[in-house]
Amino acid sequence: MSVMQVSVFLENKAGRLAEATEVLGNNGINIRALSIADTADFGVLRMIVNDPDKAMEILKRSDFTVSETEVIAMEVSDRPGGLAEVLKLLTSRDVNIEYLYCFIEKSGESAIVVLRVEEIDSAKEILKANGVNLPGAEEVYSI
């Protein structure tokens, strides 16, 4: 099963991020991981939440522009160089990493990293073949 990321396009003005997170919180949506990228005019809030379908519905109903994207969640050894080792597996096979961000929680002794690549199926195969654990969607949403 795929891990789905919810992306929210926000006008770059005071309070808009607070509005989006308040709408989610008031409707029982728990943000598990997030990243914010911005330009002069807008920002993109990328999130892993406990219920992506419900989050999409709520945000659309509240007049936010949203999209859903498949991403990879992977466990990375939580030690110096752990992330670099896993990323090297992908870059050595010419897999371009578009962006990544981390969870605030850990899975046992490992950190959880969210990764977006163009060739998602190929990247998953490379990671699995090299012993990288890719937790399933339900496990990721409940971390």
C-alpha atoms as a PDB file:
ATOM      1  CA  MET A   1       0.000   0.000   0.000  1.00  0.00           C
ATOM      2  CA  SER A   2       1.219   3.472  -0.841  1.00  0.00           C
ATOM      3  CA  VAL A   3       1.980   6.167   1.693  1.00  0.00           C
ATOM      4  CA  MET A   4       0.096   9.272   0.661  1.00  0.00           C
ATOM      5  CA  GLN A   5       1.227  12.796   1.370  1.00  0.00           C
ATOM      6  CA  VAL A   6      -1.222  15.680   1.552  1.00  0.00           C
ATOM      7  CA  SER A   7       0.046  18.947   0.052  1.00  0.00           C
ATOM      8  CA  VAL A   8      -1.637  22.265   0.767  1.00  0.00           C
ATOM      9  CA  PHE A   9      -0.923  25.376  -1.291  1.00  0.00           C
ATOM     10  CA  LEU A  10      -0.990  28.409   0.994  1.00  0.00           C
ATOM     11  CA  GLU A  11      -0.949  32.090   0.171  1.00  0.00           C
ATOM     12  CA  ASN A  12       2.134  33.629   1.728  1.00  0.00           C
ATOM     13  CA  LYS A  13       0.283  35.742   4.280  1.00  0.00           C
ATOM     14  CA  ALA A  14       0.127  35.842   8.041  1.00  0.00           C
ATOM     15  CA  GLY A  15      -2.162  33.273   9.626  1.00  0.00           C
ATOM     16  CA  ARG A  16      -2.793  31.022   6.617  1.00  0.00           C
ATOM     17  CA  LEU A  17      -0.665  28.175   7.980  1.00  0.00           C
ATOM     18  CA  ALA A  18      -2.383  28.475  11.347  1.00  0.00           C
ATOM     19  CA  GLU A  19      -5.788  28.279   9.625  1.00  0.00           C
ATOM     20  CA  ALA A  20      -4.899  25.067   7.804  1.00  0.00           C
ATOM     21  CA  THR A  21      -3.536  23.354  10.891  1.00  0.00           C
ATOM     22  CA  GLU A  22      -6.491  24.522  12.987  1.00  0.00           C
ATOM     23  CA  VAL A  23      -8.986  23.082  10.479  1.00  0.00           C
ATOM     24  CA  LEU A  24      -7.176  19.741  10.622  1.00  0.00           C
ATOM     25  CA  GLY A  25      -6.903  19.721  14.420  1.00  0.00           C
ATOM     26  CA  ASN A  26     -10.546  20.647  14.923  1.00  0.00           C
ATOM     27  CA  ASN A  27     -11.496  17.640  12.805  1.00  0.00           C
ATOM     28  CA  GLY A  28      -9.305  15.063  14.539  1.00  0.00           C
ATOM     29  CA  ILE A  29      -6.511  14.971  11.955  1.00  0.00           C
ATOM     30  CA  ASN A  30      -3.101  14.398  13.523  1.00  0.00           C
ATOM     31  CA  ILE A  31      -0.074  15.643  11.604  1.00  0.00           C
ATOM     32  CA  ARG A  32       2.675  13.017  11.861  1.00  0.00           C
ATOM     33  CA  ALA A  33       5.362  14.710   9.719  1.00  0.00           C
ATOM     34  CA  LEU A  34       5.530  17.926   7.731  1.00  0.00           C
ATOM     35  CA  SER A  35       7.629  20.152   5.562  1.00  0.00           C
ATOM     36  CA  ILE A  36       7.046  23.687   4.358  1.00  0.00           C
ATOM     37  CA  ALA A  37       8.603  25.206   1.240  1.00  0.00           C
ATOM     38  CA  ASP A  38       7.901  28.782   0.272  1.00  0.00           C
ATOM     39  CA  THR A  39       8.309  31.378  -2.441  1.00  0.00           C
ATOM     40  CA  ALA A  40       7.498  35.076  -2.340  1.00  0.00           C
ATOM     41  CA  ASP A  41       3.827  34.443  -3.176  1.00  0.00           C
ATOM     42  CA  PHE A  42       2.887  31.039  -1.769  1.00  0.00           C
ATOM     43  CA  GLY A  43       4.015  28.100   0.313  1.00  0.00           C
ATOM     44  CA  VAL A  44       3.532  24.370   0.030  1.00  0.00           C
ATOM     45  CA  LEU A  45       2.757  22.491   3.224  1.00  0.00           C
ATOM     46  CA  ARG A  46       3.542  18.785   2.733  1.00  0.00           C
ATOM     47  CA  MET A  47       2.223  16.452   5.420  1.00  0.00           C
ATOM     48  CA  ILE A  48       1.827  12.872   6.455  1.00  0.00           C
ATOM     49  CA  VAL A  49      -1.352  12.658   8.519  1.00  0.00           C
ATOM     50  CA  ASN A  50      -3.239   9.910  10.302  1.00  0.00           C
ATOM     51  CA  ASP A  51      -6.116   9.964   7.772  1.00  0.00           C
ATOM     52  CA  PRO A  52      -5.148  11.436   4.374  1.00  0.00           C
ATOM     53  CA  ASP A  53      -8.552  10.953   2.717  1.00  0.00           C
ATOM     54  CA  LYS A  54     -10.375  12.759   5.513  1.00  0.00           C
ATOM     55  CA  ALA A  55      -7.738  15.516   5.573  1.00  0.00           C
ATOM     56  CA  MET A  56      -8.137  16.087   1.823  1.00  0.00           C
ATOM     57  CA  GLU A  57     -11.926  16.304   2.163  1.00  0.00           C
ATOM     58  CA  ILE A  58     -11.790  18.699   5.120  1.00  0.00           C
ATOM     59  CA  LEU A  59      -9.230  20.999   3.522  1.00  0.00           C
ATOM     60  CA  LYS A  60     -11.105  21.150   0.209  1.00  0.00           C
ATOM     61  CA  ARG A  61     -14.342  21.907   2.039  1.00  0.00           C
ATOM     62  CA  SER A  62     -12.494  24.741   3.816  1.00  0.00           C
ATOM     63  CA  ASP A  63     -11.400  26.267   0.479  1.00  0.00           C
ATOM     64  CA  PHE A  64      -7.771  25.163   0.551  1.00  0.00           C
ATOM     65  CA  THR A  65      -6.080  24.000  -2.632  1.00  0.00           C
ATOM     66  CA  VAL A  66      -4.816  20.486  -1.926  1.00  0.00           C
ATOM     67  CA  SER A  67      -3.283  17.539  -3.722  1.00  0.00           C
ATOM     68  CA  GLU A  68      -2.226  14.033  -2.821  1.00  0.00           C
ATOM     69  CA  THR A  69       1.142  12.516  -3.746  1.00  0.00           C
ATOM     70  CA  GLU A  70       2.576   9.042  -3.298  1.00  0.00           C
ATOM     71  CA  VAL A  71       5.790   9.091  -1.294  1.00  0.00           C
ATOM     72  CA  ILE A  72       8.147   6.528   0.209  1.00  0.00           C
ATOM     73  CA  ALA A  73       8.511   6.182   3.960  1.00  0.00           C
ATOM     74  CA  MET A  74      11.710   4.396   4.906  1.00  0.00           C
ATOM     75  CA  GLU A  75      13.505   3.483   8.082  1.00  0.00           C
ATOM     76  CA  VAL A  76      17.016   4.847   8.336  1.00  0.00           C
ATOM     77  CA  SER A  77      19.566   3.919  10.967  1.00  0.00           C
ATOM     78  CA  ASP A  78      19.538   6.715  13.537  1.00  0.00           C
ATOM     79  CA  ARG A  79      23.283   7.318  13.659  1.00  0.00           C
ATOM     80  CA  PRO A  80      25.787   9.559  11.893  1.00  0.00           C
ATOM     81  CA  GLY A  81      25.900   8.588   8.210  1.00  0.00           C
ATOM     82  CA  GLY A  82      22.720   6.459   8.305  1.00  0.00           C
ATOM     83  CA  LEU A  83      20.800   8.697   5.918  1.00  0.00           C
ATOM     84  CA  ALA A  84      23.804   9.163   3.620  1.00  0.00           C
ATOM     85  CA  GLU A  85      24.151   5.388   3.207  1.00  0.00           C
ATOM     86  CA  VAL A  86      20.557   4.963   2.093  1.00  0.00           C
ATOM     87  CA  LEU A  87      20.627   7.985  -0.215  1.00  0.00           C
ATOM     88  CA  LYS A  88      23.809   6.682  -1.833  1.00  0.00           C
ATOM     89  CA  LEU A  89      21.914   3.483  -2.786  1.00  0.00           C
ATOM     90  CA  LEU A  90      19.501   5.603  -4.795  1.00  0.00           C
ATOM     91  CA  THR A  91      21.882   8.124  -6.303  1.00  0.00           C
ATOM     92  CA  SER A  92      24.269   5.362  -7.422  1.00  0.00           C
ATOM     93  CA  ARG A  93      21.360   4.042  -9.522  1.00  0.00           C
ATOM     94  CA  ASP A  94      20.565   7.527 -10.919  1.00  0.00           C
ATOM     95  CA  VAL A  95      17.390   7.965  -8.874  1.00  0.00           C
ATOM     96  CA  ASN A  96      16.777  11.701  -8.501  1.00  0.00           C
ATOM     97  CA  ILE A  97      15.559  12.741  -5.064  1.00  0.00           C
ATOM     98  CA  GLU A  98      13.062  15.580  -5.378  1.00  0.00           C
ATOM     99  CA  TYR A  99      12.729  16.252  -1.639  1.00  0.00           C
ATOM    100  CA  LEU A 100      12.665  14.552   1.746  1.00  0.00           C
ATOM    101  CA  TYR A 101      11.751  15.267   5.330  1.00  0.00           C
ATOM    102  CA  CYS A 102      11.679  13.335   8.587  1.00  0.00           C
ATOM    103  CA  PHE A 103       9.146  12.239  11.163  1.00  0.00           C
ATOM    104  CA  ILE A 104       9.284  13.570  14.681  1.00  0.00           C
ATOM    105  CA  GLU A 105       8.798  10.052  16.032  1.00  0.00           C
ATOM    106  CA  LYS A 106      11.127   7.106  15.657  1.00  0.00           C
ATOM    107  CA  SER A 107      10.359   3.532  14.748  1.00  0.00           C
ATOM    108  CA  GLY A 108      12.356   1.514  17.254  1.00  0.00           C
ATOM    109  CA  GLU A 109      16.019   2.380  16.727  1.00  0.00           C
ATOM    110  CA  SER A 110      15.420   3.916  13.306  1.00  0.00           C
ATOM    111  CA  ALA A 111      14.416   7.347  12.093  1.00  0.00           C
ATOM    112  CA  ILE A 112      11.582   7.556   9.566  1.00  0.00           C
ATOM    113  CA  VAL A 113      12.313   9.562   6.436  1.00  0.00           C
ATOM    114  CA  VAL A 114       9.708  10.581   3.833  1.00  0.00           C
ATOM    115  CA  LEU A 115      11.130  10.645   0.330  1.00  0.00           C
ATOM    116  CA  ARG A 116       9.738  11.805  -3.010  1.00  0.00           C
ATOM    117  CA  VAL A 117      11.349  10.569  -6.213  1.00  0.00           C
ATOM    118  CA  GLU A 118      10.240  10.556  -9.833  1.00  0.00           C
ATOM    119  CA  GLU A 119      10.612   6.786 -10.334  1.00  0.00           C
ATOM    120  CA  ILE A 120       8.891   5.633  -7.149  1.00  0.00           C
ATOM    121  CA  ASP A 121       8.535   1.935  -8.039  1.00  0.00           C
ATOM    122  CA  SER A 122      12.179   1.679  -9.072  1.00  0.00           C
ATOM    123  CA  ALA A 123      13.299   3.412  -5.881  1.00  0.00           C
ATOM    124  CA  LYS A 124      11.210   1.043  -3.743  1.00  0.00           C
ATOM    125  CA  GLU A 125      12.762  -1.964  -5.486  1.00  0.00           C
ATOM    126  CA  ILE A 126      16.300  -0.653  -4.934  1.00  0.00           C
ATOM    127  CA  LEU A 127      15.641   0.067  -1.266  1.00  0.00           C
ATOM    128  CA  LYS A 128      13.973  -3.289  -0.575  1.00  0.00           C
ATOM    129  CA  ALA A 129      16.721  -5.189  -2.421  1.00  0.00           C
ATOM    130  CA  ASN A 130      19.247  -3.522  -0.114  1.00  0.00           C
ATOM    131  CA  GLY A 131      17.419  -4.363   3.103  1.00  0.00           C
ATOM    132  CA  VAL A 132      15.857  -0.961   3.772  1.00  0.00           C
ATOM    133  CA  ASN A 133      12.562  -1.355   5.623  1.00  0.00           C
ATOM    134  CA  LEU A 134       9.640   0.475   4.000  1.00  0.00           C
ATOM    135  CA  PRO A 135       6.816   0.584   6.545  1.00  0.00           C
ATOM    136  CA  GLY A 136       3.282   0.288   5.158  1.00  0.00           C
ATOM    137  CA  ALA A 137       0.779   3.112   5.049  1.00  0.00           C
ATOM    138  CA  GLU A 138      -1.194   2.105   8.147  1.00  0.00           C
ATOM    139  CA  GLU A 139       1.991   1.747  10.187  1.00  0.00           C
ATOM    140  CA  VAL A 140       3.230   5.160   9.010  1.00  0.00           C
ATOM    141  CA  TYR A 141      -0.095   6.932   9.649  1.00  0.00           C
ATOM    142  CA  SER A 142      -0.182   5.619  13.219  1.00  0.00           C
ATOM    143  CA  ILE A 143       3.429   6.401  14.235  1.00  0.00           C
END
